């Protein structure tokens, strides 16, 4: 492996800082990807990856992304909970990477709940 230069280290630092900032974000919205064993087995990792990609692409810094364990509805995994400040949380089920992109763009950015994927409110 080649030696890392100072500029290489700065790039790595900026990338890590950027990724961490997305997870710690601000406070307009909180998105929880349920990543218990059942969620991971059902495909929660690609859902998380697509979410992080969409947040980075949109350049938003006021969205918190977090993970949780099993929510108890294994047959509905992968699941995502979206909490918008001042609104009831929406739990989405059977989510894949494409559905996550749609939920982020339409619900989080535009305020339009994606009822076709929602399994619970509150």
PDB file of N, CA and C in Angstrom:
ATOM      1  N   UNK A   1       0.846  -1.186   0.000  1.00  0.00           N
ATOM      2  CA  UNK A   1       0.000   0.000   0.000  1.00  0.00           C
ATOM      3  C   UNK A   1       0.882   1.236   0.000  1.00  0.00           C
ATOM      4  N   UNK A   2       0.514   2.196  -0.819  1.00  0.00           N
ATOM      5  CA  UNK A   2       1.276   3.433  -0.922  1.00  0.00           C
ATOM      6  C   UNK A   2       1.084   4.287   0.326  1.00  0.00           C
ATOM      7  N   UNK A   3       2.068   5.134   0.586  1.00  0.00           N
ATOM      8  CA  UNK A   3       1.974   6.044   1.719  1.00  0.00           C
ATOM      9  C   UNK A   3       0.915   7.102   1.440  1.00  0.00           C
ATOM     10  N   UNK A   4       0.245   7.501   2.488  1.00  0.00           N
ATOM     11  CA  UNK A   4      -0.772   8.545   2.365  1.00  0.00           C
ATOM     12  C   UNK A   4      -0.124   9.912   2.497  1.00  0.00           C
ATOM     13  N   UNK A   5      -0.549  10.818   1.666  1.00  0.00           N
ATOM     14  CA  UNK A   5      -0.046  12.188   1.748  1.00  0.00           C
ATOM     15  C   UNK A   5      -0.952  13.000   2.672  1.00  0.00           C
ATOM     16  N   UNK A   6      -0.513  14.191   2.983  1.00  0.00           N
ATOM     17  CA  UNK A   6      -1.327  15.089   3.810  1.00  0.00           C
ATOM     18  C   UNK A   6      -2.660  15.375   3.126  1.00  0.00           C
ATOM     19  N   UNK A   7      -2.635  15.579   1.816  1.00  0.00           N
ATOM     20  CA  UNK A   7      -3.895  15.857   1.108  1.00  0.00           C
ATOM     21  C   UNK A   7      -4.821  14.642   1.125  1.00  0.00           C
ATOM     22  N   UNK A   8      -4.250  13.425   1.068  1.00  0.00           N
ATOM     23  CA  UNK A   8      -5.066  12.210   1.181  1.00  0.00           C
ATOM     24  C   UNK A   8      -5.754  12.159   2.539  1.00  0.00           C
ATOM     25  N   UNK A   9      -4.991  12.474   3.583  1.00  0.00           N
ATOM     26  CA  UNK A   9      -5.548  12.459   4.939  1.00  0.00           C
ATOM     27  C   UNK A   9      -6.638  13.519   5.097  1.00  0.00           C
ATOM     28  N   UNK A  10      -6.452  14.685   4.487  1.00  0.00           N
ATOM     29  CA  UNK A  10      -7.471  15.739   4.556  1.00  0.00           C
ATOM     30  C   UNK A  10      -8.753  15.299   3.861  1.00  0.00           C
ATOM     31  N   UNK A  11      -8.610  14.622   2.720  1.00  0.00           N
ATOM     32  CA  UNK A  11      -9.787  14.124   2.001  1.00  0.00           C
ATOM     33  C   UNK A  11     -10.541  13.095   2.834  1.00  0.00           C
ATOM     34  N   UNK A  12      -9.796  12.205   3.475  1.00  0.00           N
ATOM     35  CA  UNK A  12     -10.417  11.189   4.346  1.00  0.00           C
ATOM     36  C   UNK A  12     -11.131  11.873   5.498  1.00  0.00           C
ATOM     37  N   UNK A  13     -10.501  12.865   6.111  1.00  0.00           N
ATOM     38  CA  UNK A  13     -11.101  13.597   7.224  1.00  0.00           C
ATOM     39  C   UNK A  13     -12.397  14.284   6.791  1.00  0.00           C
ATOM     40  N   UNK A  14     -12.379  14.939   5.622  1.00  0.00           N
ATOM     41  CA  UNK A  14     -13.567  15.623   5.122  1.00  0.00           C
ATOM     42  C   UNK A  14     -14.701  14.640   4.840  1.00  0.00           C
ATOM     43  N   UNK A  15     -14.375  13.479   4.284  1.00  0.00           N
ATOM     44  CA  UNK A  15     -15.387  12.459   3.997  1.00  0.00           C
ATOM     45  C   UNK A  15     -16.014  11.954   5.285  1.00  0.00           C
ATOM     46  N   UNK A  16     -15.188  11.628   6.275  1.00  0.00           N
ATOM     47  CA  UNK A  16     -15.705  11.133   7.558  1.00  0.00           C
ATOM     48  C   UNK A  16     -16.549  12.211   8.230  1.00  0.00           C
ATOM     49  N   UNK A  17     -16.082  13.451   8.208  1.00  0.00           N
ATOM     50  CA  UNK A  17     -16.838  14.545   8.809  1.00  0.00           C
ATOM     51  C   UNK A  17     -18.177  14.716   8.116  1.00  0.00           C
ATOM     52  N   UNK A  18     -18.175  14.636   6.796  1.00  0.00           N
ATOM     53  CA  UNK A  18     -19.410  14.756   6.015  1.00  0.00           C
ATOM     54  C   UNK A  18     -20.392  13.644   6.363  1.00  0.00           C
ATOM     55  N   UNK A  19     -19.911  12.399   6.409  1.00  0.00           N
ATOM     56  CA  UNK A  19     -20.774  11.262   6.735  1.00  0.00           C
ATOM     57  C   UNK A  19     -21.325  11.372   8.148  1.00  0.00           C
ATOM     58  N   UNK A  20     -20.493  11.798   9.092  1.00  0.00           N
ATOM     59  CA  UNK A  20     -20.928  11.944  10.482  1.00  0.00           C
ATOM     60  C   UNK A  20     -21.944  13.063  10.606  1.00  0.00           C
ATOM     61  N   UNK A  21     -21.720  14.156   9.909  1.00  0.00           N
ATOM     62  CA  UNK A  21     -22.658  15.282   9.968  1.00  0.00           C
ATOM     63  C   UNK A  21     -24.032  14.862   9.480  1.00  0.00           C
ATOM     64  N   UNK A  22     -24.097  14.004   8.469  1.00  0.00           N
ATOM     65  CA  UNK A  22     -25.388  13.537   7.976  1.00  0.00           C
ATOM     66  C   UNK A  22     -26.123  12.755   9.050  1.00  0.00           C
ATOM     67  N   UNK A  23     -25.404  11.968   9.811  1.00  0.00           N
ATOM     68  CA  UNK A  23     -26.046  11.165  10.842  1.00  0.00           C
ATOM     69  C   UNK A  23     -26.466  11.998  12.039  1.00  0.00           C
ATOM     70  N   UNK A  24     -25.704  13.042  12.356  1.00  0.00           N
ATOM     71  CA  UNK A  24     -26.009  13.844  13.532  1.00  0.00           C
ATOM     72  C   UNK A  24     -26.905  15.023  13.194  1.00  0.00           C
ATOM     73  N   UNK A  25     -26.821  15.490  11.960  1.00  0.00           N
ATOM     74  CA  UNK A  25     -27.689  16.497  11.373  1.00  0.00           C
ATOM     75  C   UNK A  25     -28.236  17.568  12.277  1.00  0.00           C
ATOM     76  N   UNK A  26     -29.411  18.032  11.953  1.00  0.00           N
ATOM     77  CA  UNK A  26     -30.071  19.089  12.694  1.00  0.00           C
ATOM     78  C   UNK A  26     -31.317  18.578  13.361  1.00  0.00           C
ATOM     79  N   UNK A  27     -32.421  19.274  13.127  1.00  0.00           N
ATOM     80  CA  UNK A  27     -33.608  18.896  13.889  1.00  0.00           C
ATOM     81  C   UNK A  27     -34.936  19.017  13.171  1.00  0.00           C
ATOM     82  N   UNK A  28     -34.952  19.264  11.881  1.00  0.00           N
ATOM     83  CA  UNK A  28     -36.226  19.354  11.165  1.00  0.00           C
ATOM     84  C   UNK A  28     -36.881  17.991  11.020  1.00  0.00           C
ATOM     85  N   UNK A  29     -36.069  16.973  10.784  1.00  0.00           N
ATOM     86  CA  UNK A  29     -36.603  15.625  10.584  1.00  0.00           C
ATOM     87  C   UNK A  29     -35.641  14.590  11.158  1.00  0.00           C
ATOM     88  N   UNK A  30     -36.214  13.476  11.571  1.00  0.00           N
ATOM     89  CA  UNK A  30     -35.425  12.343  12.058  1.00  0.00           C
ATOM     90  C   UNK A  30     -35.910  11.108  11.309  1.00  0.00           C
ATOM     91  N   UNK A  31     -34.970  10.376  10.720  1.00  0.00           N
ATOM     92  CA  UNK A  31     -35.304   9.162   9.990  1.00  0.00           C
ATOM     93  C   UNK A  31     -34.589   8.007  10.669  1.00  0.00           C
ATOM     94  N   UNK A  32     -35.369   7.013  11.084  1.00  0.00           N
ATOM     95  CA  UNK A  32     -34.809   5.831  11.742  1.00  0.00           C
ATOM     96  C   UNK A  32     -34.950   4.643  10.817  1.00  0.00           C
ATOM     97  N   UNK A  33     -33.828   4.021  10.506  1.00  0.00           N
ATOM     98  CA  UNK A  33     -33.833   2.786   9.728  1.00  0.00           C
ATOM     99  C   UNK A  33     -33.721   1.650  10.732  1.00  0.00           C
ATOM    100  N   UNK A  34     -34.715   0.783  10.757  1.00  0.00           N
ATOM    101  CA  UNK A  34     -34.742  -0.328  11.712  1.00  0.00           C
ATOM    102  C   UNK A  34     -33.788  -1.407  11.216  1.00  0.00           C
ATOM    103  N   UNK A  35     -32.709  -1.623  11.985  1.00  0.00           N
ATOM    104  CA  UNK A  35     -31.654  -2.519  11.541  1.00  0.00           C
ATOM    105  C   UNK A  35     -31.367  -3.619  12.563  1.00  0.00           C
ATOM    106  N   UNK A  36     -32.439  -4.233  13.040  1.00  0.00           N
ATOM    107  CA  UNK A  36     -32.260  -5.442  13.824  1.00  0.00           C
ATOM    108  C   UNK A  36     -31.830  -6.553  12.878  1.00  0.00           C
ATOM    109  N   UNK A  37     -31.600  -7.724  13.405  1.00  0.00           N
ATOM    110  CA  UNK A  37     -31.176  -8.846  12.575  1.00  0.00           C
ATOM    111  C   UNK A  37     -32.154  -9.101  11.440  1.00  0.00           C
ATOM    112  N   UNK A  38     -33.435  -9.046  11.750  1.00  0.00           N
ATOM    113  CA  UNK A  38     -34.448  -9.285  10.714  1.00  0.00           C
ATOM    114  C   UNK A  38     -34.435  -8.198   9.657  1.00  0.00           C
ATOM    115  N   UNK A  39     -34.231  -6.949  10.069  1.00  0.00           N
ATOM    116  CA  UNK A  39     -34.178  -5.841   9.122  1.00  0.00           C
ATOM    117  C   UNK A  39     -32.973  -5.934   8.196  1.00  0.00           C
ATOM    118  N   UNK A  40     -31.828  -6.268   8.772  1.00  0.00           N
ATOM    119  CA  UNK A  40     -30.617  -6.409   7.966  1.00  0.00           C
ATOM    120  C   UNK A  40     -30.778  -7.558   6.978  1.00  0.00           C
ATOM    121  N   UNK A  41     -31.319  -8.679   7.456  1.00  0.00           N
ATOM    122  CA  UNK A  41     -31.527  -9.827   6.574  1.00  0.00           C
ATOM    123  C   UNK A  41     -32.506  -9.511   5.449  1.00  0.00           C
ATOM    124  N   UNK A  42     -33.457  -8.622   5.711  1.00  0.00           N
ATOM    125  CA  UNK A  42     -34.466  -8.268   4.710  1.00  0.00           C
ATOM    126  C   UNK A  42     -33.985  -7.177   3.747  1.00  0.00           C
ATOM    127  N   UNK A  43     -32.830  -6.553   4.033  1.00  0.00           N
ATOM    128  CA  UNK A  43     -32.293  -5.556   3.113  1.00  0.00           C
ATOM    129  C   UNK A  43     -32.197  -4.135   3.639  1.00  0.00           C
ATOM    130  N   UNK A  44     -32.082  -3.969   4.951  1.00  0.00           N
ATOM    131  CA  UNK A  44     -32.014  -2.626   5.523  1.00  0.00           C
ATOM    132  C   UNK A  44     -30.735  -1.880   5.144  1.00  0.00           C
ATOM    133  N   UNK A  45     -29.632  -2.600   4.912  1.00  0.00           N
ATOM    134  CA  UNK A  45     -28.369  -1.922   4.566  1.00  0.00           C
ATOM    135  C   UNK A  45     -28.487  -1.142   3.245  1.00  0.00           C
ATOM    136  N   UNK A  46     -29.002  -1.728   2.156  1.00  0.00           N
ATOM    137  CA  UNK A  46     -29.175  -0.931   0.938  1.00  0.00           C
ATOM    138  C   UNK A  46     -30.155   0.237   1.112  1.00  0.00           C
ATOM    139  N   UNK A  47     -31.140   0.069   1.991  1.00  0.00           N
ATOM    140  CA  UNK A  47     -32.077   1.157   2.294  1.00  0.00           C
ATOM    141  C   UNK A  47     -31.318   2.309   2.954  1.00  0.00           C
ATOM    142  N   UNK A  48     -30.483   1.980   3.940  1.00  0.00           N
ATOM    143  CA  UNK A  48     -29.669   3.006   4.619  1.00  0.00           C
ATOM    144  C   UNK A  48     -28.712   3.670   3.632  1.00  0.00           C
ATOM    145  N   UNK A  49     -28.077   2.887   2.786  1.00  0.00           N
ATOM    146  CA  UNK A  49     -27.144   3.444   1.812  1.00  0.00           C
ATOM    147  C   UNK A  49     -27.841   4.415   0.861  1.00  0.00           C
ATOM    148  N   UNK A  50     -29.026   4.040   0.375  1.00  0.00           N
ATOM    149  CA  UNK A  50     -29.741   4.933  -0.548  1.00  0.00           C
ATOM    150  C   UNK A  50     -30.183   6.212   0.167  1.00  0.00           C
ATOM    151  N   UNK A  51     -30.595   6.095   1.425  1.00  0.00           N
ATOM    152  CA  UNK A  51     -30.986   7.267   2.204  1.00  0.00           C
ATOM    153  C   UNK A  51     -29.804   8.220   2.365  1.00  0.00           C
ATOM    154  N   UNK A  52     -28.662   7.687   2.771  1.00  0.00           N
ATOM    155  CA  UNK A  52     -27.489   8.535   2.969  1.00  0.00           C
ATOM    156  C   UNK A  52     -27.067   9.194   1.658  1.00  0.00           C
ATOM    157  N   UNK A  53     -27.189   8.469   0.566  1.00  0.00           N
ATOM    158  CA  UNK A  53     -26.852   9.013  -0.746  1.00  0.00           C
ATOM    159  C   UNK A  53     -27.796  10.155  -1.119  1.00  0.00           C
ATOM    160  N   UNK A  54     -29.088   9.977  -0.878  1.00  0.00           N
ATOM    161  CA  UNK A  54     -30.073  11.019  -1.193  1.00  0.00           C
ATOM    162  C   UNK A  54     -29.855  12.270  -0.345  1.00  0.00           C
ATOM    163  N   UNK A  55     -29.536  12.074   0.918  1.00  0.00           N
ATOM    164  CA  UNK A  55     -29.288  13.225   1.800  1.00  0.00           C
ATOM    165  C   UNK A  55     -28.067  13.996   1.313  1.00  0.00           C
ATOM    166  N   UNK A  56     -27.018  13.273   0.979  1.00  0.00           N
ATOM    167  CA  UNK A  56     -25.801  13.928   0.481  1.00  0.00           C
ATOM    168  C   UNK A  56     -26.072  14.665  -0.827  1.00  0.00           C
ATOM    169  N   UNK A  57     -26.813  14.026  -1.717  1.00  0.00           N
ATOM    170  CA  UNK A  57     -27.125  14.631  -3.014  1.00  0.00           C
ATOM    171  C   UNK A  57     -27.971  15.895  -2.856  1.00  0.00           C
ATOM    172  N   UNK A  58     -28.917  15.850  -1.910  1.00  0.00           N
ATOM    173  CA  UNK A  58     -29.792  17.000  -1.681  1.00  0.00           C
ATOM    174  C   UNK A  58     -29.085  18.115  -0.907  1.00  0.00           C
ATOM    175  N   UNK A  59     -27.994  17.763  -0.235  1.00  0.00           N
ATOM    176  CA  UNK A  59     -27.233  18.760   0.515  1.00  0.00           C
ATOM    177  C   UNK A  59     -27.943  19.282   1.747  1.00  0.00           C
ATOM    178  N   UNK A  60     -28.816  18.476   2.334  1.00  0.00           N
ATOM    179  CA  UNK A  60     -29.517  18.918   3.536  1.00  0.00           C
ATOM    180  C   UNK A  60     -28.691  18.581   4.782  1.00  0.00           C
ATOM    181  N   UNK A  61     -28.775  19.460   5.768  1.00  0.00           N
ATOM    182  CA  UNK A  61     -28.030  19.240   7.005  1.00  0.00           C
ATOM    183  C   UNK A  61     -28.943  19.241   8.221  1.00  0.00           C
ATOM    184  N   UNK A  62     -30.253  19.336   7.987  1.00  0.00           N
ATOM    185  CA  UNK A  62     -31.184  19.410   9.108  1.00  0.00           C
ATOM    186  C   UNK A  62     -32.009  18.135   9.258  1.00  0.00           C
ATOM    187  N   UNK A  63     -31.433  17.007   8.844  1.00  0.00           N
ATOM    188  CA  UNK A  63     -32.095  15.707   8.965  1.00  0.00           C
ATOM    189  C   UNK A  63     -31.186  14.779   9.758  1.00  0.00           C
ATOM    190  N   UNK A  64     -31.719  14.214  10.823  1.00  0.00           N
ATOM    191  CA  UNK A  64     -30.981  13.252  11.637  1.00  0.00           C
ATOM    192  C   UNK A  64     -31.291  11.863  11.115  1.00  0.00           C
ATOM    193  N   UNK A  65     -30.254  11.064  10.914  1.00  0.00           N
ATOM    194  CA  UNK A  65     -30.430   9.670  10.513  1.00  0.00           C
ATOM    195  C   UNK A  65     -29.920   8.807  11.646  1.00  0.00           C
ATOM    196  N   UNK A  66     -30.736   7.852  12.044  1.00  0.00           N
ATOM    197  CA  UNK A  66     -30.351   6.963  13.129  1.00  0.00           C
ATOM    198  C   UNK A  66     -30.801   5.543  12.808  1.00  0.00           C
ATOM    199  N   UNK A  67     -30.358   4.610  13.618  1.00  0.00           N
ATOM    200  CA  UNK A  67     -30.776   3.217  13.454  1.00  0.00           C
ATOM    201  C   UNK A  67     -31.383   2.729  14.751  1.00  0.00           C
ATOM    202  N   UNK A  68     -32.130   1.648  14.648  1.00  0.00           N
ATOM    203  CA  UNK A  68     -32.679   1.010  15.844  1.00  0.00           C
ATOM    204  C   UNK A  68     -32.666  -0.487  15.617  1.00  0.00           C
ATOM    205  N   UNK A  69     -32.987  -1.202  16.637  1.00  0.00           N
ATOM    206  CA  UNK A  69     -33.109  -2.643  16.518  1.00  0.00           C
ATOM    207  C   UNK A  69     -34.476  -3.008  15.976  1.00  0.00           C
ATOM    208  N   UNK A  70     -34.865  -4.213  16.230  1.00  0.00           N
ATOM    209  CA  UNK A  70     -36.131  -4.737  15.737  1.00  0.00           C
ATOM    210  C   UNK A  70     -37.300  -3.953  16.334  1.00  0.00           C
ATOM    211  N   UNK A  71     -38.279  -3.656  15.494  1.00  0.00           N
ATOM    212  CA  UNK A  71     -39.478  -2.947  15.949  1.00  0.00           C
ATOM    213  C   UNK A  71     -40.624  -3.915  16.221  1.00  0.00           C
ATOM    214  N   UNK A  72     -40.385  -5.215  16.043  1.00  0.00           N
ATOM    215  CA  UNK A  72     -41.385  -6.215  16.371  1.00  0.00           C
ATOM    216  C   UNK A  72     -42.300  -6.631  15.239  1.00  0.00           C
ATOM    217  N   UNK A  73     -42.099  -6.072  14.064  1.00  0.00           N
ATOM    218  CA  UNK A  73     -42.922  -6.457  12.920  1.00  0.00           C
ATOM    219  C   UNK A  73     -42.001  -7.009  11.825  1.00  0.00           C
ATOM    220  N   UNK A  74     -41.400  -8.142  12.120  1.00  0.00           N
ATOM    221  CA  UNK A  74     -40.381  -8.711  11.228  1.00  0.00           C
ATOM    222  C   UNK A  74     -40.887  -8.938   9.813  1.00  0.00           C
ATOM    223  N   UNK A  75     -42.154  -9.257   9.668  1.00  0.00           N
ATOM    224  CA  UNK A  75     -42.697  -9.519   8.333  1.00  0.00           C
ATOM    225  C   UNK A  75     -42.793  -8.246   7.490  1.00  0.00           C
ATOM    226  N   UNK A  76     -42.643  -7.073   8.104  1.00  0.00           N
ATOM    227  CA  UNK A  76     -42.722  -5.795   7.399  1.00  0.00           C
ATOM    228  C   UNK A  76     -41.346  -5.178   7.129  1.00  0.00           C
ATOM    229  N   UNK A  77     -40.271  -5.875   7.509  1.00  0.00           N
ATOM    230  CA  UNK A  77     -38.919  -5.353   7.298  1.00  0.00           C
ATOM    231  C   UNK A  77     -38.555  -5.395   5.833  1.00  0.00           C
ATOM    232  N   UNK A  78     -37.668  -4.512   5.416  1.00  0.00           N
ATOM    233  CA  UNK A  78     -37.067  -3.388   6.125  1.00  0.00           C
ATOM    234  C   UNK A  78     -38.096  -2.283   6.402  1.00  0.00           C
ATOM    235  N   UNK A  79     -37.958  -1.693   7.587  1.00  0.00           N
ATOM    236  CA  UNK A  79     -38.865  -0.625   7.997  1.00  0.00           C
ATOM    237  C   UNK A  79     -38.089   0.655   8.261  1.00  0.00           C
ATOM    238  N   UNK A  80     -38.768   1.777   8.052  1.00  0.00           N
ATOM    239  CA  UNK A  80     -38.194   3.098   8.271  1.00  0.00           C
ATOM    240  C   UNK A  80     -39.240   3.953   8.969  1.00  0.00           C
ATOM    241  N   UNK A  81     -38.833   4.693   9.990  1.00  0.00           N
ATOM    242  CA  UNK A  81     -39.728   5.636  10.649  1.00  0.00           C
ATOM    243  C   UNK A  81     -39.280   7.047  10.310  1.00  0.00           C
ATOM    244  N   UNK A  82     -40.215   7.873   9.836  1.00  0.00           N
ATOM    245  CA  UNK A  82     -39.927   9.265   9.503  1.00  0.00           C
ATOM    246  C   UNK A  82     -40.675  10.146  10.496  1.00  0.00           C
ATOM    247  N   UNK A  83     -39.912  10.997  11.189  1.00  0.00           N
ATOM    248  CA  UNK A  83     -40.492  11.937  12.147  1.00  0.00           C
ATOM    249  C   UNK A  83     -40.158  13.353  11.685  1.00  0.00           C
ATOM    250  N   UNK A  84     -41.182  14.083  11.292  1.00  0.00           N
ATOM    251  CA  UNK A  84     -41.028  15.481  10.894  1.00  0.00           C
ATOM    252  C   UNK A  84     -41.460  16.325  12.093  1.00  0.00           C
ATOM    253  N   UNK A  85     -40.681  17.334  12.398  1.00  0.00           N
ATOM    254  CA  UNK A  85     -40.957  18.194  13.542  1.00  0.00           C
ATOM    255  C   UNK A  85     -42.404  18.691  13.514  1.00  0.00           C
ATOM    256  N   UNK A  86     -43.127  18.455  14.616  1.00  0.00           N
ATOM    257  CA  UNK A  86     -44.503  18.913  14.732  1.00  0.00           C
ATOM    258  C   UNK A  86     -45.549  18.010  14.101  1.00  0.00           C
ATOM    259  N   UNK A  87     -45.139  16.839  13.586  1.00  0.00           N
ATOM    260  CA  UNK A  87     -46.087  15.906  12.962  1.00  0.00           C
ATOM    261  C   UNK A  87     -45.952  14.527  13.598  1.00  0.00           C
ATOM    262  N   UNK A  88     -46.983  13.712  13.402  1.00  0.00           N
ATOM    263  CA  UNK A  88     -46.921  12.344  13.896  1.00  0.00           C
ATOM    264  C   UNK A  88     -45.894  11.545  13.101  1.00  0.00           C
ATOM    265  N   UNK A  89     -45.175  10.634  13.786  1.00  0.00           N
ATOM    266  CA  UNK A  89     -44.246   9.764  13.057  1.00  0.00           C
ATOM    267  C   UNK A  89     -45.008   8.848  12.096  1.00  0.00           C
ATOM    268  N   UNK A  90     -44.383   8.531  10.983  1.00  0.00           N
ATOM    269  CA  UNK A  90     -44.936   7.594  10.006  1.00  0.00           C
ATOM    270  C   UNK A  90     -43.968   6.419   9.905  1.00  0.00           C
ATOM    271  N   UNK A  91     -44.496   5.211  10.031  1.00  0.00           N
ATOM    272  CA  UNK A  91     -43.668   4.014   9.884  1.00  0.00           C
ATOM    273  C   UNK A  91     -43.972   3.417   8.521  1.00  0.00           C
ATOM    274  N   UNK A  92     -42.923   3.236   7.758  1.00  0.00           N
ATOM    275  CA  UNK A  92     -43.023   2.646   6.427  1.00  0.00           C
ATOM    276  C   UNK A  92     -42.491   1.223   6.481  1.00  0.00           C
ATOM    277  N   UNK A  93     -43.151   0.313   5.752  1.00  0.00           N
ATOM    278  CA  UNK A  93     -42.730  -1.085   5.751  1.00  0.00           C
ATOM    279  C   UNK A  93     -42.472  -1.624   4.364  1.00  0.00           C
ATOM    280  N   UNK A  94     -41.732  -2.743   4.322  1.00  0.00           N
ATOM    281  CA  UNK A  94     -41.346  -3.403   3.063  1.00  0.00           C
ATOM    282  C   UNK A  94     -40.631  -2.425   2.136  1.00  0.00           C
ATOM    283  N   UNK A  95     -39.679  -1.697   2.692  1.00  0.00           N
ATOM    284  CA  UNK A  95     -38.975  -0.648   1.966  1.00  0.00           C
ATOM    285  C   UNK A  95     -37.759  -1.221   1.252  1.00  0.00           C
ATOM    286  N   UNK A  96     -37.520  -0.725   0.048  1.00  0.00           N
ATOM    287  CA  UNK A  96     -36.281  -1.040  -0.663  1.00  0.00           C
ATOM    288  C   UNK A  96     -35.600   0.290  -0.991  1.00  0.00           C
ATOM    289  N   UNK A  97     -34.467   0.235  -1.679  1.00  0.00           N
ATOM    290  CA  UNK A  97     -33.698   1.448  -1.958  1.00  0.00           C
ATOM    291  C   UNK A  97     -34.503   2.468  -2.772  1.00  0.00           C
ATOM    292  N   UNK A  98     -35.251   2.021  -3.761  1.00  0.00           N
ATOM    293  CA  UNK A  98     -36.043   2.939  -4.586  1.00  0.00           C
ATOM    294  C   UNK A  98     -37.179   3.582  -3.798  1.00  0.00           C
ATOM    295  N   UNK A  99     -37.862   2.783  -2.968  1.00  0.00           N
ATOM    296  CA  UNK A  99     -38.929   3.347  -2.134  1.00  0.00           C
ATOM    297  C   UNK A  99     -38.351   4.362  -1.149  1.00  0.00           C
ATOM    298  N   UNK A 100     -37.149   4.074  -0.624  1.00  0.00           N
ATOM    299  CA  UNK A 100     -36.524   5.003   0.315  1.00  0.00           C
ATOM    300  C   UNK A 100     -36.234   6.329  -0.363  1.00  0.00           C
ATOM    301  N   UNK A 101     -35.756   6.285  -1.581  1.00  0.00           N
ATOM    302  CA  UNK A 101     -35.504   7.523  -2.329  1.00  0.00           C
ATOM    303  C   UNK A 101     -36.789   8.334  -2.483  1.00  0.00           C
ATOM    304  N   UNK A 102     -37.875   7.648  -2.828  1.00  0.00           N
ATOM    305  CA  UNK A 102     -39.168   8.320  -3.001  1.00  0.00           C
ATOM    306  C   UNK A 102     -39.658   8.913  -1.685  1.00  0.00           C
ATOM    307  N   UNK A 103     -39.540   8.155  -0.609  1.00  0.00           N
ATOM    308  CA  UNK A 103     -39.973   8.644   0.710  1.00  0.00           C
ATOM    309  C   UNK A 103     -39.174   9.883   1.097  1.00  0.00           C
ATOM    310  N   UNK A 104     -37.872   9.830   0.874  1.00  0.00           N
ATOM    311  CA  UNK A 104     -37.049  10.984   1.230  1.00  0.00           C
ATOM    312  C   UNK A 104     -37.446  12.215   0.404  1.00  0.00           C
ATOM    313  N   UNK A 105     -37.529  12.041  -0.902  1.00  0.00           N
ATOM    314  CA  UNK A 105     -37.819  13.180  -1.767  1.00  0.00           C
ATOM    315  C   UNK A 105     -39.220  13.746  -1.533  1.00  0.00           C
ATOM    316  N   UNK A 106     -40.203  12.873  -1.402  1.00  0.00           N
ATOM    317  CA  UNK A 106     -41.590  13.356  -1.314  1.00  0.00           C
ATOM    318  C   UNK A 106     -42.041  13.650   0.114  1.00  0.00           C
ATOM    319  N   UNK A 107     -41.698  12.771   1.072  1.00  0.00           N
ATOM    320  CA  UNK A 107     -42.166  13.008   2.441  1.00  0.00           C
ATOM    321  C   UNK A 107     -41.252  13.985   3.169  1.00  0.00           C
ATOM    322  N   UNK A 108     -39.967  13.677   3.215  1.00  0.00           N
ATOM    323  CA  UNK A 108     -39.056  14.509   4.004  1.00  0.00           C
ATOM    324  C   UNK A 108     -38.863  15.885   3.375  1.00  0.00           C
ATOM    325  N   UNK A 109     -38.624  15.939   2.087  1.00  0.00           N
ATOM    326  CA  UNK A 109     -38.357  17.224   1.443  1.00  0.00           C
ATOM    327  C   UNK A 109     -39.616  18.004   1.081  1.00  0.00           C
ATOM    328  N   UNK A 110     -40.699  17.310   0.693  1.00  0.00           N
ATOM    329  CA  UNK A 110     -41.894  18.005   0.227  1.00  0.00           C
ATOM    330  C   UNK A 110     -43.088  17.909   1.177  1.00  0.00           C
ATOM    331  N   UNK A 111     -42.991  17.089   2.225  1.00  0.00           N
ATOM    332  CA  UNK A 111     -44.065  16.992   3.203  1.00  0.00           C
ATOM    333  C   UNK A 111     -45.240  16.119   2.805  1.00  0.00           C
ATOM    334  N   UNK A 112     -45.093  15.333   1.770  1.00  0.00           N
ATOM    335  CA  UNK A 112     -46.174  14.488   1.256  1.00  0.00           C
ATOM    336  C   UNK A 112     -45.983  13.042   1.735  1.00  0.00           C
ATOM    337  N   UNK A 113     -46.794  12.617   2.711  1.00  0.00           N
ATOM    338  CA  UNK A 113     -46.704  11.253   3.236  1.00  0.00           C
ATOM    339  C   UNK A 113     -46.966  10.263   2.119  1.00  0.00           C
ATOM    340  N   UNK A 114     -46.153   9.248   2.018  1.00  0.00           N
ATOM    341  CA  UNK A 114     -46.291   8.227   0.981  1.00  0.00           C
ATOM    342  C   UNK A 114     -47.161   7.094   1.528  1.00  0.00           C
ATOM    343  N   UNK A 115     -48.466   7.284   1.463  1.00  0.00           N
ATOM    344  CA  UNK A 115     -49.414   6.366   2.092  1.00  0.00           C
ATOM    345  C   UNK A 115     -49.351   4.953   1.536  1.00  0.00           C
ATOM    346  N   UNK A 116     -48.914   4.796   0.300  1.00  0.00           N
ATOM    347  CA  UNK A 116     -48.864   3.453  -0.291  1.00  0.00           C
ATOM    348  C   UNK A 116     -47.828   2.558   0.400  1.00  0.00           C
ATOM    349  N   UNK A 117     -46.855   3.157   1.100  1.00  0.00           N
ATOM    350  CA  UNK A 117     -45.830   2.384   1.808  1.00  0.00           C
ATOM    351  C   UNK A 117     -46.010   2.432   3.323  1.00  0.00           C
ATOM    352  N   UNK A 118     -46.888   3.310   3.821  1.00  0.00           N
ATOM    353  CA  UNK A 118     -47.060   3.504   5.258  1.00  0.00           C
ATOM    354  C   UNK A 118     -47.805   2.313   5.880  1.00  0.00           C
ATOM    355  N   UNK A 119     -47.318   1.900   7.047  1.00  0.00           N
ATOM    356  CA  UNK A 119     -47.990   0.809   7.764  1.00  0.00           C
ATOM    357  C   UNK A 119     -48.520   1.259   9.124  1.00  0.00           C
ATOM    358  N   UNK A 120     -48.057   2.413   9.614  1.00  0.00           N
ATOM    359  CA  UNK A 120     -48.544   2.921  10.903  1.00  0.00           C
ATOM    360  C   UNK A 120     -48.294   4.417  10.996  1.00  0.00           C
ATOM    361  N   UNK A 121     -49.121   5.063  11.804  1.00  0.00           N
ATOM    362  CA  UNK A 121     -48.989   6.490  12.082  1.00  0.00           C
ATOM    363  C   UNK A 121     -48.985   6.662  13.591  1.00  0.00           C
ATOM    364  N   UNK A 122     -48.106   7.521  14.070  1.00  0.00           N
ATOM    365  CA  UNK A 122     -48.077   7.808  15.501  1.00  0.00           C
ATOM    366  C   UNK A 122     -47.144   6.960  16.293  1.00  0.00           C
TER     367      UNK A 122
END
